[in-house]
Amino acid sequence: MTPGTMTAADGMLAAAGCSIMVDGKTVVENKGGKTGKLCSYKLK
């Protein structure tokens, strides 16, 4: 799954906020797209 984009304050497109849950636990969270990176998590 690829999250959408949002318009940043400078008018450029940026990664939207995202979170990934595994077995009911949040393993990755990027509220509001603050890091500018897409969420990713590798299952073992």
PDB file of N, CA and C in Angstrom:
ATOM      1  N   MET A   1       0.838  -1.161   0.000  1.00  0.00           N
ATOM      2  CA  MET A   1       0.000   0.000   0.000  1.00  0.00           C
ATOM      3  C   MET A   1       0.890   1.233   0.000  1.00  0.00           C
ATOM      4  N   THR A   2       0.565   2.191  -0.817  1.00  0.00           N
ATOM      5  CA  THR A   2       1.306   3.440  -0.880  1.00  0.00           C
ATOM      6  C   THR A   2       0.388   4.569  -0.441  1.00  0.00           C
ATOM      7  N   PRO A   3       0.788   5.308   0.592  1.00  0.00           N
ATOM      8  CA  PRO A   3      -0.060   6.422   1.020  1.00  0.00           C
ATOM      9  C   PRO A   3      -0.058   7.526  -0.016  1.00  0.00           C
ATOM     10  N   GLY A   4      -1.045   8.379   0.061  1.00  0.00           N
ATOM     11  CA  GLY A   4      -1.146   9.487  -0.872  1.00  0.00           C
ATOM     12  C   GLY A   4      -0.176  10.594  -0.538  1.00  0.00           C
ATOM     13  N   THR A   5      -0.343  11.693  -1.249  1.00  0.00           N
ATOM     14  CA  THR A   5       0.499  12.856  -1.003  1.00  0.00           C
ATOM     15  C   THR A   5      -0.358  13.988  -0.468  1.00  0.00           C
ATOM     16  N   MET A   6       0.303  14.978   0.074  1.00  0.00           N
ATOM     17  CA  MET A   6      -0.378  16.176   0.538  1.00  0.00           C
ATOM     18  C   MET A   6       0.450  17.370   0.085  1.00  0.00           C
ATOM     19  N   THR A   7      -0.155  18.526   0.088  1.00  0.00           N
ATOM     20  CA  THR A   7       0.561  19.727  -0.303  1.00  0.00           C
ATOM     21  C   THR A   7       1.234  20.318   0.930  1.00  0.00           C
ATOM     22  N   ALA A   8       2.535  20.482   0.865  1.00  0.00           N
ATOM     23  CA  ALA A   8       3.315  21.048   1.971  1.00  0.00           C
ATOM     24  C   ALA A   8       3.142  22.567   2.002  1.00  0.00           C
ATOM     25  N   ALA A   9       3.642  23.193   3.051  1.00  0.00           N
ATOM     26  CA  ALA A   9       3.517  24.637   3.221  1.00  0.00           C
ATOM     27  C   ALA A   9       4.148  25.416   2.068  1.00  0.00           C
ATOM     28  N   ASP A  10       5.186  24.838   1.441  1.00  0.00           N
ATOM     29  CA  ASP A  10       5.851  25.521   0.333  1.00  0.00           C
ATOM     30  C   ASP A  10       5.184  25.273  -1.020  1.00  0.00           C
ATOM     31  N   GLY A  11       4.043  24.546  -1.008  1.00  0.00           N
ATOM     32  CA  GLY A  11       3.307  24.272  -2.234  1.00  0.00           C
ATOM     33  C   GLY A  11       3.747  23.008  -2.960  1.00  0.00           C
ATOM     34  N   MET A  12       4.796  22.369  -2.502  1.00  0.00           N
ATOM     35  CA  MET A  12       5.281  21.139  -3.126  1.00  0.00           C
ATOM     36  C   MET A  12       4.530  19.942  -2.557  1.00  0.00           C
ATOM     37  N   LEU A  13       4.491  18.850  -3.311  1.00  0.00           N
ATOM     38  CA  LEU A  13       3.872  17.634  -2.812  1.00  0.00           C
ATOM     39  C   LEU A  13       4.817  16.929  -1.851  1.00  0.00           C
ATOM     40  N   ALA A  14       4.275  16.366  -0.786  1.00  0.00           N
ATOM     41  CA  ALA A  14       5.057  15.647   0.213  1.00  0.00           C
ATOM     42  C   ALA A  14       4.307  14.378   0.596  1.00  0.00           C
ATOM     43  N   ALA A  15       5.013  13.428   1.188  1.00  0.00           N
ATOM     44  CA  ALA A  15       4.380  12.188   1.638  1.00  0.00           C
ATOM     45  C   ALA A  15       3.359  12.511   2.730  1.00  0.00           C
ATOM     46  N   ALA A  16       2.201  11.890   2.652  1.00  0.00           N
ATOM     47  CA  ALA A  16       1.166  12.079   3.673  1.00  0.00           C
ATOM     48  C   ALA A  16       1.506  11.251   4.906  1.00  0.00           C
ATOM     49  N   GLY A  17       0.852  11.528   5.993  1.00  0.00           N
ATOM     50  CA  GLY A  17       1.052  10.753   7.213  1.00  0.00           C
ATOM     51  C   GLY A  17       0.627   9.308   7.003  1.00  0.00           C
ATOM     52  N   CYS A  18       1.223   8.415   7.753  1.00  0.00           N
ATOM     53  CA  CYS A  18       0.892   7.007   7.608  1.00  0.00           C
ATOM     54  C   CYS A  18       1.248   6.264   8.889  1.00  0.00           C
ATOM     55  N   SER A  19       0.685   5.076   9.034  1.00  0.00           N
ATOM     56  CA  SER A  19       1.054   4.202  10.143  1.00  0.00           C
ATOM     57  C   SER A  19       0.869   2.764   9.694  1.00  0.00           C
ATOM     58  N   ILE A  20       1.649   1.875  10.284  1.00  0.00           N
ATOM     59  CA  ILE A  20       1.568   0.445   9.972  1.00  0.00           C
ATOM     60  C   ILE A  20       1.378  -0.294  11.282  1.00  0.00           C
ATOM     61  N   MET A  21       0.356  -1.147  11.315  1.00  0.00           N
ATOM     62  CA  MET A  21       0.083  -1.949  12.502  1.00  0.00           C
ATOM     63  C   MET A  21       0.283  -3.422  12.178  1.00  0.00           C
ATOM     64  N   VAL A  22       0.929  -4.139  13.086  1.00  0.00           N
ATOM     65  CA  VAL A  22       1.132  -5.581  12.956  1.00  0.00           C
ATOM     66  C   VAL A  22       0.639  -6.218  14.246  1.00  0.00           C
ATOM     67  N   ASP A  23      -0.282  -7.151  14.129  1.00  0.00           N
ATOM     68  CA  ASP A  23      -0.855  -7.833  15.296  1.00  0.00           C
ATOM     69  C   ASP A  23      -1.376  -6.853  16.339  1.00  0.00           C
ATOM     70  N   GLY A  24      -1.994  -5.767  15.887  1.00  0.00           N
ATOM     71  CA  GLY A  24      -2.590  -4.797  16.792  1.00  0.00           C
ATOM     72  C   GLY A  24      -1.621  -3.807  17.408  1.00  0.00           C
ATOM     73  N   LYS A  25      -0.337  -3.876  17.044  1.00  0.00           N
ATOM     74  CA  LYS A  25       0.662  -2.950  17.582  1.00  0.00           C
ATOM     75  C   LYS A  25       1.165  -2.051  16.465  1.00  0.00           C
ATOM     76  N   THR A  26       1.293  -0.754  16.756  1.00  0.00           N
ATOM     77  CA  THR A  26       1.825   0.178  15.772  1.00  0.00           C
ATOM     78  C   THR A  26       3.340   0.010  15.715  1.00  0.00           C
ATOM     79  N   VAL A  27       3.850  -0.362  14.533  1.00  0.00           N
ATOM     80  CA  VAL A  27       5.288  -0.584  14.371  1.00  0.00           C
ATOM     81  C   VAL A  27       5.970   0.595  13.674  1.00  0.00           C
ATOM     82  N   VAL A  28       5.201   1.367  12.907  1.00  0.00           N
ATOM     83  CA  VAL A  28       5.721   2.551  12.230  1.00  0.00           C
ATOM     84  C   VAL A  28       4.628   3.609  12.246  1.00  0.00           C
ATOM     85  N   GLU A  29       5.002   4.840  12.566  1.00  0.00           N
ATOM     86  CA  GLU A  29       4.022   5.913  12.537  1.00  0.00           C
ATOM     87  C   GLU A  29       4.700   7.207  12.108  1.00  0.00           C
ATOM     88  N   ASN A  30       4.059   7.895  11.195  1.00  0.00           N
ATOM     89  CA  ASN A  30       4.554   9.171  10.683  1.00  0.00           C
ATOM     90  C   ASN A  30       3.351  10.113  10.653  1.00  0.00           C
ATOM     91  N   LYS A  31       3.043  10.703  11.786  1.00  0.00           N
ATOM     92  CA  LYS A  31       1.868  11.579  11.882  1.00  0.00           C
ATOM     93  C   LYS A  31       2.086  12.840  11.060  1.00  0.00           C
ATOM     94  N   GLY A  32       1.144  13.107  10.180  1.00  0.00           N
ATOM     95  CA  GLY A  32       1.201  14.337   9.388  1.00  0.00           C
ATOM     96  C   GLY A  32       2.317  14.391   8.372  1.00  0.00           C
ATOM     97  N   GLY A  33       3.001  13.279   8.128  1.00  0.00           N
ATOM     98  CA  GLY A  33       4.084  13.269   7.148  1.00  0.00           C
ATOM     99  C   GLY A  33       5.292  14.082   7.572  1.00  0.00           C
ATOM    100  N   LYS A  34       5.534  14.211   8.857  1.00  0.00           N
ATOM    101  CA  LYS A  34       6.598  15.073   9.384  1.00  0.00           C
ATOM    102  C   LYS A  34       7.995  14.682   8.917  1.00  0.00           C
ATOM    103  N   THR A  35       8.250  13.387   8.702  1.00  0.00           N
ATOM    104  CA  THR A  35       9.599  12.985   8.300  1.00  0.00           C
ATOM    105  C   THR A  35       9.826  13.152   6.796  1.00  0.00           C
ATOM    106  N   GLY A  36       8.752  13.267   6.024  1.00  0.00           N
ATOM    107  CA  GLY A  36       8.885  13.408   4.583  1.00  0.00           C
ATOM    108  C   GLY A  36       9.159  12.099   3.871  1.00  0.00           C
ATOM    109  N   LYS A  37       9.204  10.998   4.617  1.00  0.00           N
ATOM    110  CA  LYS A  37       9.454   9.683   4.025  1.00  0.00           C
ATOM    111  C   LYS A  37       8.194   8.842   4.097  1.00  0.00           C
ATOM    112  N   LEU A  38       8.074   7.896   3.181  1.00  0.00           N
ATOM    113  CA  LEU A  38       6.967   6.951   3.218  1.00  0.00           C
ATOM    114  C   LEU A  38       7.202   5.936   4.313  1.00  0.00           C
ATOM    115  N   CYS A  39       6.128   5.430   4.892  1.00  0.00           N
ATOM    116  CA  CYS A  39       6.234   4.390   5.918  1.00  0.00           C
ATOM    117  C   CYS A  39       6.639   3.074   5.264  1.00  0.00           C
ATOM    118  N   SER A  40       7.506   2.342   5.933  1.00  0.00           N
ATOM    119  CA  SER A  40       7.849   0.998   5.463  1.00  0.00           C
ATOM    120  C   SER A  40       8.232   0.149   6.670  1.00  0.00           C
ATOM    121  N   TYR A  41       7.988  -1.148   6.536  1.00  0.00           N
ATOM    122  CA  TYR A  41       8.292  -2.081   7.601  1.00  0.00           C
ATOM    123  C   TYR A  41       8.492  -3.444   6.981  1.00  0.00           C
ATOM    124  N   LYS A  42       9.573  -4.119   7.301  1.00  0.00           N
ATOM    125  CA  LYS A  42       9.875  -5.430   6.733  1.00  0.00           C
ATOM    126  C   LYS A  42       9.468  -6.512   7.724  1.00  0.00           C
ATOM    127  N   LEU A  43       8.574  -7.394   7.287  1.00  0.00           N
ATOM    128  CA  LEU A  43       8.160  -8.510   8.127  1.00  0.00           C
ATOM    129  C   LEU A  43       9.251  -9.576   8.142  1.00  0.00           C
ATOM    130  N   LYS A  44       9.469 -10.157   9.300  1.00  0.00           N
ATOM    131  CA  LYS A  44      10.495 -11.188   9.414  1.00  0.00           C
ATOM    132  C   LYS A  44       9.885 -12.558   9.326  1.00  0.00           C
TER     133      LYS A  44
END
